[in-house]
Structures are given as structure tokens and as C-alpha cells.
Protein backbone atom coordinates (compact mmCIF):
# COMPACT_ATOMS: atom_id res chain seq x y z
CA MET A 1 128.27 128.53 109.09
CA THR A 2 126.94 126.39 106.23
CA LYS A 3 124.27 123.96 107.33
CA THR A 4 124.73 120.28 106.49
CA ILE A 5 122.24 117.48 105.82
CA PHE A 6 123.24 113.84 106.14
CA ILE A 7 121.26 111.53 103.84
CA THR A 8 121.71 107.79 104.24
CA VAL A 9 121.77 105.73 101.04
CA GLY A 10 122.19 102.25 102.45
CA GLU A 11 120.24 100.55 99.67
CA ALA A 12 120.12 101.10 95.92
CA SER A 13 116.34 101.49 96.10
CA VAL A 14 116.93 104.85 97.84
CA ALA A 15 118.83 106.13 94.81
CA HIS A 16 116.00 104.96 92.58
CA HIS A 17 113.09 106.28 94.62
CA LEU A 18 114.60 109.55 95.84
CA LEU A 19 117.90 110.63 94.30
CA ARG A 20 116.85 110.01 90.71
CA GLY A 21 113.45 111.57 91.18
CA GLU A 22 111.75 114.84 91.98
CA PHE A 23 112.98 114.79 95.58
CA TRP A 24 116.57 115.39 94.51
CA ARG A 25 115.70 118.11 92.01
CA LYS A 26 113.59 120.01 94.55
CA LEU A 27 116.18 119.62 97.30
CA LEU A 28 118.93 121.06 95.10
CA ALA A 29 116.88 123.99 93.78
CA GLY A 30 118.16 127.25 95.26
CA ARG A 31 120.33 125.31 97.69
CA ASN A 32 122.70 127.11 100.07
CA PHE A 33 123.57 124.16 102.30
CA ARG A 34 125.81 121.11 102.12
CA ILE A 35 124.62 117.56 101.48
CA VAL A 36 126.57 114.49 102.55
CA LEU A 37 125.36 111.18 101.13
CA ILE A 38 126.41 108.27 103.36
CA VAL A 39 126.74 105.11 101.28
CA PRO A 40 128.24 101.60 101.44
CA PRO A 41 131.86 101.38 100.23
CA SER A 42 130.79 99.24 97.25
CA LYS A 43 128.66 102.10 95.89
CA ALA A 44 130.85 105.09 96.76
CA GLU A 45 132.64 105.53 93.44
CA GLU A 46 129.50 105.03 91.34
CA TYR A 47 127.47 107.49 93.41
CA ARG A 48 130.26 110.07 93.40
CA LYS A 49 130.16 110.07 89.62
CA GLU A 50 126.38 110.31 89.52
CA PHE A 51 125.48 112.62 92.42
CA SER A 52 128.46 114.58 93.75
CA GLY A 53 128.83 118.25 92.91
CA ASP A 54 129.22 121.66 94.46
CA ASN A 55 128.78 121.09 98.20
CA ILE A 56 127.46 117.57 97.56
CA LEU A 57 129.76 114.96 99.05
CA VAL A 58 129.61 111.17 99.06
CA GLU A 59 131.08 109.43 102.10
CA ALA A 60 131.56 105.67 102.35
CA LEU A 61 130.65 104.18 105.72
CA PRO A 62 132.47 100.87 106.27
CA SER A 63 130.43 97.89 107.37
CA ILE A 64 129.79 98.22 111.09
CA PRO A 65 130.46 95.05 113.10
CA PHE A 66 127.83 94.29 115.71
CA SER A 67 128.97 94.04 119.29
CA THR A 68 127.46 91.43 121.60
CA LEU A 69 125.16 94.07 123.05
CA GLU A 70 124.02 95.17 119.59
CA ARG A 71 123.30 91.60 118.56
CA LEU A 72 121.22 91.24 121.71
CA MET A 73 119.32 94.46 120.94
CA LEU A 74 118.68 93.28 117.40
CA PHE A 75 117.45 89.89 118.64
CA LEU A 76 115.04 91.55 121.05
CA ALA A 77 113.81 94.05 118.46
CA LEU A 78 113.19 91.44 115.77
CA ASN A 79 111.24 89.08 118.01
CA ALA A 80 109.37 91.23 120.55
CA LEU A 81 106.67 92.28 118.08
CA ARG A 82 103.43 90.32 118.12
CA THR A 83 102.43 90.11 114.48
CA SER A 84 101.72 87.07 112.35
CA THR A 85 104.60 88.10 110.06
CA VAL A 86 107.07 87.74 112.92
CA THR A 87 105.59 84.30 113.65
CA LEU A 88 106.24 83.30 110.05
CA ASN A 89 109.83 84.59 110.25
CA GLN A 90 110.44 82.66 113.46
CA MET A 91 109.00 79.44 112.05
CA ARG A 92 111.10 79.69 108.90
CA LYS A 93 114.28 80.20 110.91
CA TYR A 94 113.42 77.29 113.18
CA LEU A 95 112.70 74.90 110.31
CA THR A 96 115.79 75.83 108.28
CA THR A 97 118.40 75.51 111.05
CA GLN A 98 119.84 72.45 112.76
CA GLY A 99 121.03 71.53 116.23
CA LEU A 100 119.81 71.77 119.79
CA MET A 101 120.21 75.55 119.99
CA ARG A 102 117.45 76.10 117.45
CA HIS A 103 114.91 74.72 119.96
CA ILE A 104 116.18 77.01 122.71
CA ALA A 105 116.25 80.03 120.38
CA PHE A 106 112.74 79.30 119.15
CA PHE A 107 111.43 79.01 122.71
CA LEU A 108 112.99 82.37 123.60
CA LYS A 109 111.62 84.03 120.46
CA ARG A 110 108.11 82.80 121.06
CA GLY A 111 108.30 83.98 124.66
CA LEU A 112 109.33 87.46 123.54
CA TRP A 113 106.58 87.47 120.92
CA PHE A 114 103.86 86.39 123.35
CA PHE A 115 104.77 88.24 126.54
CA LEU A 116 106.41 91.43 125.24
CA GLY A 117 105.15 91.71 121.67
CA ARG A 118 102.50 94.32 122.48
CA SER A 119 104.22 96.01 125.41
CA ARG A 120 104.55 99.78 125.21
CA ILE A 121 106.73 99.68 128.33
CA PHE A 122 109.15 97.17 126.80
CA GLN A 123 109.49 99.19 123.59
CA LYS A 124 110.23 102.31 125.62
CA PHE A 125 112.85 100.36 127.60
CA LEU A 126 114.42 99.02 124.39
CA ARG A 127 114.67 102.47 122.84
CA THR A 128 116.10 103.96 126.01
CA ALA A 129 118.68 101.16 126.27
CA GLU A 130 119.63 101.81 122.63
CA THR A 131 120.95 105.26 123.52
CA PHE A 132 123.44 103.74 125.98
CA LEU A 133 125.16 101.55 123.40
CA PRO A 134 128.76 102.64 122.75
CA PRO A 135 129.10 104.85 119.65
CA HIS A 136 130.79 103.49 116.54
CA PRO A 137 134.05 105.35 115.81
CA SER A 138 133.41 105.53 112.05
CA VAL A 139 129.97 107.08 112.61
CA GLY A 140 131.27 109.49 115.22
CA GLN A 141 134.03 110.63 112.86
CA LEU A 142 131.46 111.62 110.23
CA PHE A 143 129.59 113.74 112.76
CA GLU A 144 132.83 115.34 113.97
CA ARG A 145 133.94 116.15 110.43
CA TYR A 146 130.70 117.68 109.14
CA HIS A 147 128.63 118.71 112.20
CA PRO A 148 125.27 118.04 110.50
CA SER A 149 122.21 120.12 111.35
CA LEU A 150 119.83 117.43 110.10
CA VAL A 151 119.92 113.69 109.42
CA PHE A 152 117.56 112.15 106.87
CA SER A 153 117.40 108.39 107.40
CA THR A 154 115.95 106.81 104.27
CA VAL A 155 115.77 103.20 105.53
CA ALA A 156 115.16 103.99 109.17
CA MET A 157 115.10 100.38 110.42
CA PHE A 158 118.31 99.31 108.62
CA ALA A 159 120.48 97.99 111.44
CA GLN A 160 123.72 98.08 109.46
CA MET A 161 123.71 101.82 108.71
CA ASP A 162 120.67 103.89 109.64
CA VAL A 163 120.20 102.73 113.23
CA PRO A 164 123.79 103.61 114.31
CA ILE A 165 123.54 106.99 112.55
CA LEU A 166 120.17 107.82 114.12
CA ARG A 167 121.53 106.73 117.49
CA GLU A 168 124.54 109.03 117.13
CA ALA A 169 122.31 111.91 116.04
CA ARG A 170 120.13 111.39 119.11
CA ARG A 171 123.21 111.37 121.32
CA ARG A 172 124.42 114.67 119.81
CA MET A 173 120.92 116.23 119.78
CA VAL A 174 120.89 116.54 115.98
CA GLN A 175 117.45 116.79 114.35
CA THR A 176 116.31 113.65 112.52
CA ILE A 177 113.74 112.76 109.88
CA GLY A 178 113.20 109.16 108.84
CA ILE A 179 111.24 107.03 106.42
CA THR A 180 111.08 103.25 106.08
CA ARG A 181 111.99 101.32 102.96
CA GLY A 182 108.63 99.62 102.48
CA TRP A 183 104.97 99.72 103.38
CA ASP A 184 105.27 96.55 105.48
CA ASN A 185 108.19 97.42 107.76
CA PHE A 186 106.19 98.28 110.87
CA THR A 187 104.77 94.75 110.98
CA ASN A 188 107.66 92.66 109.67
CA SER A 189 110.95 94.31 110.71
CA GLY A 190 110.56 94.21 114.47
CA VAL A 191 110.58 97.11 116.90
CA MET A 192 111.86 100.42 115.54
CA ARG A 193 114.93 100.88 117.71
CA VAL A 194 115.42 104.63 117.20
CA VAL A 195 112.35 106.70 116.34
CA PRO A 196 113.24 109.84 114.34
CA ASP A 197 111.97 113.24 115.48
CA ILE A 198 109.71 113.20 112.41
CA LEU A 199 108.66 109.89 110.88
CA LEU A 200 107.44 110.04 107.30
CA VAL A 201 104.92 107.30 106.48
CA HIS A 202 103.85 106.13 103.05
CA SER A 203 100.13 105.71 103.60
CA ARG A 204 97.21 105.51 106.00
CA PHE A 205 98.04 101.84 106.53
CA ALA A 206 101.66 102.67 107.40
CA GLY A 207 100.57 105.36 109.85
CA LYS A 208 98.05 103.02 111.44
CA THR A 209 100.57 100.19 111.89
CA ALA A 210 103.20 102.62 113.23
CA GLN A 211 100.75 103.61 115.93
CA LYS A 212 99.32 100.14 116.62
CA TYR A 213 102.52 98.08 116.69
CA GLN A 214 105.29 100.63 117.28
CA PHE A 215 103.33 102.95 119.63
CA ILE A 216 104.41 105.99 117.59
CA PRO A 217 101.81 108.76 118.01
CA ASP A 218 100.13 110.36 115.01
CA GLN A 219 101.52 113.78 115.84
CA ARG A 220 105.02 112.46 115.25
CA THR A 221 104.25 111.18 111.75
CA ILE A 222 103.59 112.87 108.42
CA ARG A 223 101.92 110.98 105.58
CA VAL A 224 103.76 111.70 102.33
CA GLY A 225 103.04 108.81 99.91
CA PHE A 226 105.36 106.39 98.11
CA PRO A 227 108.29 108.14 96.38
CA ARG A 228 108.43 105.37 93.76
CA ASN A 229 104.88 106.19 92.67
CA ASP A 230 106.07 109.52 91.29
CA TRP A 231 107.65 107.47 88.51
CA PHE A 232 104.44 105.57 87.80
CA LEU A 233 102.52 108.76 87.11
CA ARG A 234 104.91 109.90 84.38
CA LYS A 235 102.95 109.30 81.18
CA ASP A 236 105.93 110.37 79.08
CA LEU A 237 107.60 107.06 79.93
CA ILE A 238 104.84 104.97 78.33
CA ASP A 239 105.63 103.58 74.86
CA SER A 240 103.15 102.36 72.30
CA ARG A 241 101.98 98.81 72.93
CA GLN A 242 103.25 97.62 69.56
CA ASP A 243 106.75 99.04 70.03
CA PHE A 244 107.10 97.74 73.58
CA LEU A 245 105.92 94.20 72.87
CA ALA A 246 108.03 94.08 69.72
CA ARG A 247 111.14 94.68 71.83
CA LEU A 248 110.19 91.64 73.90
CA GLY A 249 109.47 89.52 70.85
CA ILE A 250 105.76 89.28 71.73
CA ASP A 251 103.08 89.41 69.06
CA PRO A 252 101.07 92.63 69.71
CA LYS A 253 97.89 90.63 69.05
CA LYS A 254 98.55 88.62 72.20
CA ARG A 255 97.06 89.61 75.55
CA VAL A 256 99.69 89.82 78.28
CA ILE A 257 99.42 88.63 81.88
CA PHE A 258 102.16 90.20 84.03
CA PHE A 259 103.62 87.95 86.73
CA GLY A 260 105.70 89.51 89.52
CA ALA A 261 107.83 86.88 91.25
CA MET A 262 108.97 87.01 94.86
CA GLU A 263 112.48 86.84 96.23
CA TYR A 264 113.89 83.35 95.60
CA PHE A 265 114.95 83.10 99.25
CA TRP A 266 111.34 83.42 100.36
CA PHE A 267 109.56 81.47 97.66
CA PRO A 268 111.55 79.54 95.04
CA ARG A 269 108.46 78.00 93.39
CA ASP A 270 107.12 80.97 91.40
CA GLY A 271 108.18 79.18 88.24
CA GLU A 272 105.67 76.42 89.02
CA ILE A 273 102.82 78.94 88.85
CA ALA A 274 104.02 80.00 85.40
CA ARG A 275 104.08 76.36 84.35
CA ILE A 276 100.51 75.89 85.63
CA PHE A 277 99.45 78.93 83.61
CA ASN A 278 101.12 77.46 80.52
CA ASN A 279 99.26 74.17 81.04
CA LEU A 280 95.94 75.98 81.44
CA VAL A 281 96.42 77.72 78.09
CA GLU A 282 97.61 74.56 76.32
CA SER A 283 94.64 72.58 77.65
CA GLY A 284 92.16 75.21 76.44
CA LYS A 285 91.07 76.25 79.93
CA LEU A 286 92.43 79.72 79.17
CA PRO A 287 92.37 81.52 75.79
CA GLN A 288 95.18 80.71 73.36
CA ASP A 289 95.99 84.39 72.78
CA LEU A 290 97.41 84.83 76.29
CA ILE A 291 101.10 85.25 77.13
CA MET A 292 102.57 85.51 80.62
CA LEU A 293 105.40 88.03 81.03
CA PHE A 294 107.38 86.53 83.92
CA ARG A 295 109.45 89.05 85.86
CA PRO A 296 111.77 87.47 88.44
CA TYR A 297 112.68 89.30 91.62
CA PRO A 298 115.88 91.37 91.07
CA GLY A 299 118.88 89.09 91.46
CA SER A 300 116.68 86.02 92.04
CA THR A 301 116.90 84.26 88.70
CA GLY A 302 116.68 80.72 90.13
CA SER A 303 113.00 80.43 89.21
CA MET A 304 113.88 81.07 85.55
CA GLU A 305 115.02 77.45 85.18
CA ARG A 306 111.46 76.30 85.85
CA ILE A 307 109.99 78.26 82.95
CA GLU A 308 112.41 77.20 80.22
CA GLY A 309 110.67 75.92 77.11
CA LEU A 310 107.19 77.14 78.07
CA ARG A 311 105.31 78.22 74.96
CA TYR A 312 103.04 80.75 76.65
CA VAL A 313 105.53 82.27 79.12
CA VAL A 314 108.13 84.92 78.24
CA PRO A 315 110.94 85.61 80.74
CA ASP A 316 111.72 89.26 81.42
CA ILE A 317 115.12 90.10 82.85
CA SER A 318 115.78 93.13 80.68
CA SER A 319 115.06 95.81 83.26
CA PHE A 320 117.61 94.93 85.92
CA THR A 321 121.06 93.44 86.19
CA LYS A 322 122.08 90.14 87.73
CA SER A 323 125.08 91.78 89.41
CA ALA A 324 124.84 91.59 93.20
CA ALA A 325 126.35 95.07 93.61
CA ASP A 326 123.96 96.63 91.10
CA VAL A 327 120.88 94.48 91.47
CA TRP A 328 118.51 97.23 92.63
CA GLU A 329 119.93 100.05 90.50
CA MET A 330 116.99 101.21 88.43
CA ARG A 331 117.30 104.33 86.37
CA GLU A 332 114.80 105.91 84.02
CA LYS A 333 115.24 103.27 81.32
CA GLU A 334 114.70 100.34 83.70
CA THR A 335 111.78 102.05 85.44
CA ALA A 336 110.11 102.81 82.11
CA HIS A 337 110.45 99.15 81.16
CA LEU A 338 108.71 98.03 84.35
CA MET A 339 105.95 100.60 83.88
CA ASN A 340 105.34 99.50 80.30
CA SER A 341 105.36 95.84 81.34
CA ILE A 342 102.43 96.49 83.66
CA PHE A 343 100.67 99.16 81.60
CA HIS A 344 100.44 96.94 78.52
CA SER A 345 99.22 93.92 80.50
CA GLU A 346 95.64 92.87 81.15
CA MET A 347 96.27 92.20 84.83
CA VAL A 348 98.98 91.55 87.42
CA VAL A 349 99.52 88.16 89.07
CA THR A 350 101.74 87.56 92.09
CA VAL A 351 101.95 85.54 95.26
CA ALA A 352 102.60 88.51 97.54
CA SER A 353 104.90 91.00 95.80
CA THR A 354 104.58 94.79 95.94
CA LEU A 355 104.35 94.62 92.15
CA GLY A 356 100.69 93.77 92.74
CA ILE A 357 100.18 97.22 94.25
CA ASP A 358 102.12 98.75 91.36
CA GLY A 359 99.52 97.19 89.10
CA ILE A 360 96.75 98.92 91.03
CA VAL A 361 98.59 102.24 90.68
CA LEU A 362 98.23 101.70 86.92
CA ASP A 363 94.60 100.56 87.38
CA LYS A 364 95.13 96.88 86.61
CA PRO A 365 93.20 93.98 88.19
CA ALA A 366 95.34 91.93 90.55
CA ILE A 367 95.41 88.25 91.53
CA SER A 368 97.17 86.87 94.60
CA VAL A 369 98.13 83.21 94.16
CA GLY A 370 98.17 80.92 97.20
CA PHE A 371 99.13 77.55 95.69
CA GLU A 372 101.94 75.74 93.90
CA ALA A 373 102.28 72.72 91.60
CA GLY A 374 102.38 70.07 94.29
CA PRO A 375 102.04 69.57 98.05
CA ALA A 376 104.30 71.74 100.18
CA PRO A 377 104.80 71.97 103.96
CA TYR A 378 102.63 74.85 105.11
CA TRP A 379 105.49 77.04 106.37
CA PHE A 380 107.15 76.81 102.94
CA SER A 381 103.99 77.17 100.86
CA ALA A 382 102.64 80.13 98.91
CA GLY A 383 99.58 80.18 101.14
CA ARG A 384 101.60 81.09 104.22
CA PHE A 385 102.16 84.60 102.87
CA LEU A 386 98.47 85.17 102.28
CA ASP A 387 97.63 83.89 105.76
CA HIS A 388 100.55 85.16 107.84
CA TRP A 389 102.00 88.30 106.29
CA SER A 390 100.17 90.93 108.32
CA HIS A 391 100.44 93.59 105.62
CA TRP A 392 99.24 91.21 102.90
CA GLN A 393 96.30 90.09 105.01
CA ALA A 394 95.25 93.73 105.34
CA LEU A 395 95.63 94.18 101.59
CA LEU A 396 93.44 91.17 100.79
CA GLU A 397 90.77 92.42 103.20
CA THR A 398 90.17 95.42 100.92
CA GLY A 399 88.78 93.16 98.20
CA GLY A 400 91.16 94.75 95.71
CA PHE A 401 92.92 91.44 94.98
CA ARG A 402 91.37 88.16 93.87
CA ARG A 403 92.78 85.30 95.92
CA ALA A 404 93.34 82.04 94.03
CA ASP A 405 94.10 78.94 96.12
CA THR A 406 93.79 76.38 93.30
CA ALA A 407 94.54 76.22 89.59
CA GLU A 408 90.80 76.26 88.91
CA GLU A 409 90.31 79.45 90.96
CA PHE A 410 93.32 80.94 89.17
CA ALA A 411 91.82 80.23 85.75
CA ASN A 412 88.41 81.54 86.83
CA ALA A 413 89.94 84.79 88.11
CA ILE A 414 91.84 85.34 84.85
CA ARG A 415 88.76 84.66 82.73
CA SER A 416 86.63 86.97 84.89
CA TYR A 417 89.05 89.88 84.60
CA LEU A 418 89.50 89.34 80.86
CA LYS A 419 85.74 89.53 80.44
CA ASN A 420 85.31 92.52 82.75
CA PRO A 421 88.46 94.35 83.93
CA HIS A 422 86.29 96.65 86.08
CA LEU A 423 85.43 93.83 88.47
CA ASP A 424 86.55 94.58 92.05
CA PHE A 425 87.07 98.23 91.15
CA GLU A 426 85.69 99.30 94.54
CA GLY A 427 88.24 97.06 96.26
CA ARG A 428 91.07 98.58 94.25
CA GLU A 429 89.80 102.01 95.26
CA ARG A 430 90.10 100.93 98.90
CA VAL A 431 93.69 99.83 98.20
CA ARG A 432 94.42 103.29 96.83
CA GLU A 433 92.83 105.01 99.81
CA GLN A 434 94.50 102.87 102.47
CA PHE A 435 97.84 101.90 100.91
CA LEU A 436 98.72 104.50 98.27
CA GLU A 437 97.36 107.98 98.94
CA PRO A 438 98.65 110.53 98.46
CA TYR A 439 99.84 109.55 94.99
CA ASP A 440 99.81 112.75 93.02
CA GLY A 441 103.29 112.71 91.45
CA ARG A 442 104.57 115.13 94.11
CA VAL A 443 105.77 112.78 96.84
CA GLY A 444 109.45 113.60 96.31
CA GLU A 445 108.68 117.31 96.30
CA ARG A 446 106.70 116.93 99.54
CA ILE A 447 109.59 115.15 101.28
CA ALA A 448 112.09 117.78 100.11
CA ARG A 449 109.89 120.58 101.49
CA ILE A 450 109.67 118.84 104.88
CA LEU A 451 113.46 118.50 105.04
CA LEU A 452 114.02 122.14 104.13
CA LYS A 453 111.46 123.36 106.64
CA LYS A 454 113.10 121.31 109.40
CA LEU A 455 116.59 122.43 108.38
CA TYR A 456 115.73 126.11 108.72
CA SER A 457 113.33 125.91 111.66
């Protein structure tokens, strides 16, 4: 009987990081098994055209409605994790909702955070209770139709798709391998409700936080690296500086500062930082040959209004679409554009975006900005990320990022790195060791080998 692997593709980033990279090529090489990609209905037709083939099927999984019990499980999982990131999430929700119930909900959340947020016993109870939730018919039908031998969950904490599939696999005693979407998920996404048989982690930091906050033992994890970093090590995607900047309408004689904006939902004031930069150049506090290349978060173009008409800021929306259905779809062309944007810059500036780490992959100095143009309530300020995002705090502790809490500190950091880009090199090395390794261009290949070994074991 032909063996079958289920691969969840609940987010477009999975297609970018895995299916369009070395992982997919290695998995298909010499293949004698069936692959079923499980995708949202909105992406089914597109992915069938791009990925389906001989014994490669694409199945749409309709949106799964949460039952009352599932909503309760999600509430418990999201709040019973004692990290400063969860505190920030709870405060934001409290301050952006109205009515009496918000006070009651906040009290319950803080109680869960304080009393159960570091409880190994509670996490074990939660994961055991998860297995008793009623199965979803649409998920069960997929298992009945294909009888998979292995499930690869690519966004293992995604409640809408991956959690129900992992739960069904556990119920049917099907082998599972999982990986999280990002390097911060073990501190910001709550309790992992279903732990795969093998959990792939991106880095030493991810493995450490999986053990510390999720109580997942080392022997259950395998450190593989970031799949997206395989792209960043492809030198064939780098264009000449003159050609790349010409496409953006930037004078090649200018020195470029790359700015990676955050999601507009989280921080809508990135444009103010660009305006401050523009003022610093105009006032002579920064050199006149500087240009900021401002890259908004995919789909979050609201901050673009704040940078209109700025002489020393160039907006960059050429590497992704504004379409909600296609917002994260990055293929080779879009990825090459992002790589060149960073590679041909002097440094990377962000509040707290992963693009800062991408800059370090390409050996660029990085600045983390903790201020905005005017006073802001703390829980809506830039500084809250630097103080309360657990993963970002750990990143800053390496010394690989310069923190700038005022416009003056921002200007000083830029001038320092322009004068000596090797400053803080030791800190950036610590970022690589703790947050990036292994990054050898073979992450996708490594993941494919693990899947194949598990499939035939």
C-alpha cells in the first residue's frame, strides 16, 4: 500500500519557506509515496496549478467553526502562559474593548497567567483534555479517504487548521512532525495544545523556550534552522547595486537605510519614524546622501500615508501584493527583491520586526527603535515591544541590536554604524549562534530527510 504524507499549508508563508524551496525538491526526489497538501479553500485552485502532480494532491479544508469547548480550550491556552508577551496581549485586548465584560475577562486572564502560567501539571491537563474534544467531520473525512502514515504540521499552533489535524492524528495513532511558524511562538502564542511526536525548532532560542515555557523535553525536539534562510544564502539572487537601485529610482550614489515596518494592527506609527529620519537628514543631523527604503508590512499599507512627500524616504511595495488572499505569496522574484533591499543597504532599522534578524543574516548592523513622534500611552507605544515582547527582549540582550529610545539616540546609532559597520559584531555573532544556527542553506533538505526517515521507520 502506498504511504501518504499530509502536509498542512494553512498560511502562504509555508508555500514560500518550504514548498518553493529546497525542502520540496528534496522531498520529491526519488519519491514513491503520496503527498496531500491541506490548504484553505481560497488557495486550493492556485496551489493545485503550482504544486499538484503525479501522486501530489491538494485538498481544501473548509474553515472549522469552534465549538464552545474549543473556544474555552483556546482561551485557556492563550492566557495560561506566564510571559511578558502574553501580558502585553492581554493589556491590548483590555484597552481596545468596551463594556463590563472586559473587566471580568481581564481578571480571569490575569488569574490564569499568574496562577497557572508556569504549571507543568496544568499544561499536561490541557493537552490531555484536548484529545477528548469531538472530532471535526471534515478532518475525519480526510483521514478516512487517504489513511496517512505521517502528518507534517507546518504551523503547529494554528488553531484553525493544524491543531484539529494534529488532534485527529493523535486520536488515530498517526505519526506527527511539527514546526512553528516563527521563532517567537513558544512565548507569544500560548500553550501548545497538541505536541507533535517530533517537534522541529528553528534555533537554540526556540529549543530553550520550548523547554522552559512549554515543558517540551529536548529529546523530543530537533534543531533544523529557519527554512526561509535558505533563500538568503542564495548569492545568485543578488543583483548589482546600480541595477537594483535604478529599478527603485534611487541614485546609486546614495547610501540606503532599510526600514522594516511592523504589522499596522500592532503599531500604526512606523511612518512617524520615517518622518523623524527625514527631518534628521534635512536638518543636517544626518548626512544628506542618505535615503530610507521604507518597506511596509505585507498588506499593512496604512503607514504609507504618513511618508508621502518625504524627500529622503522611498516607499517600497514592489515585492508583495496588497491583495488579502495573496498578501504573503512570495516567489523567487519577490524574495530576491527583499534580499537585494537589505543587501544593498548600510543597515536595517525596525521597531521589532523579524526583518531585523534578516539583516543580521546578511551581516548588516541593526537598530531597534523604541520611540515615536509624540507622546503615546505606554501600552500603545513602540517601547512596549522592546520591554514586553519576551523574544525581542532576549534578542536585545545579545547586544546585536542598538536600541534607540529617542531621535538623538537614533541619529547617533546611524552615524556610528556609517562610520564603522563592524561595531557590535560580537553581538550579531551571538544573534547568529542563539537565533539562527544552523543556517547553512540546507534547512529545507534537513527537514525533508527527517520526514522521510520518519515515514519509513
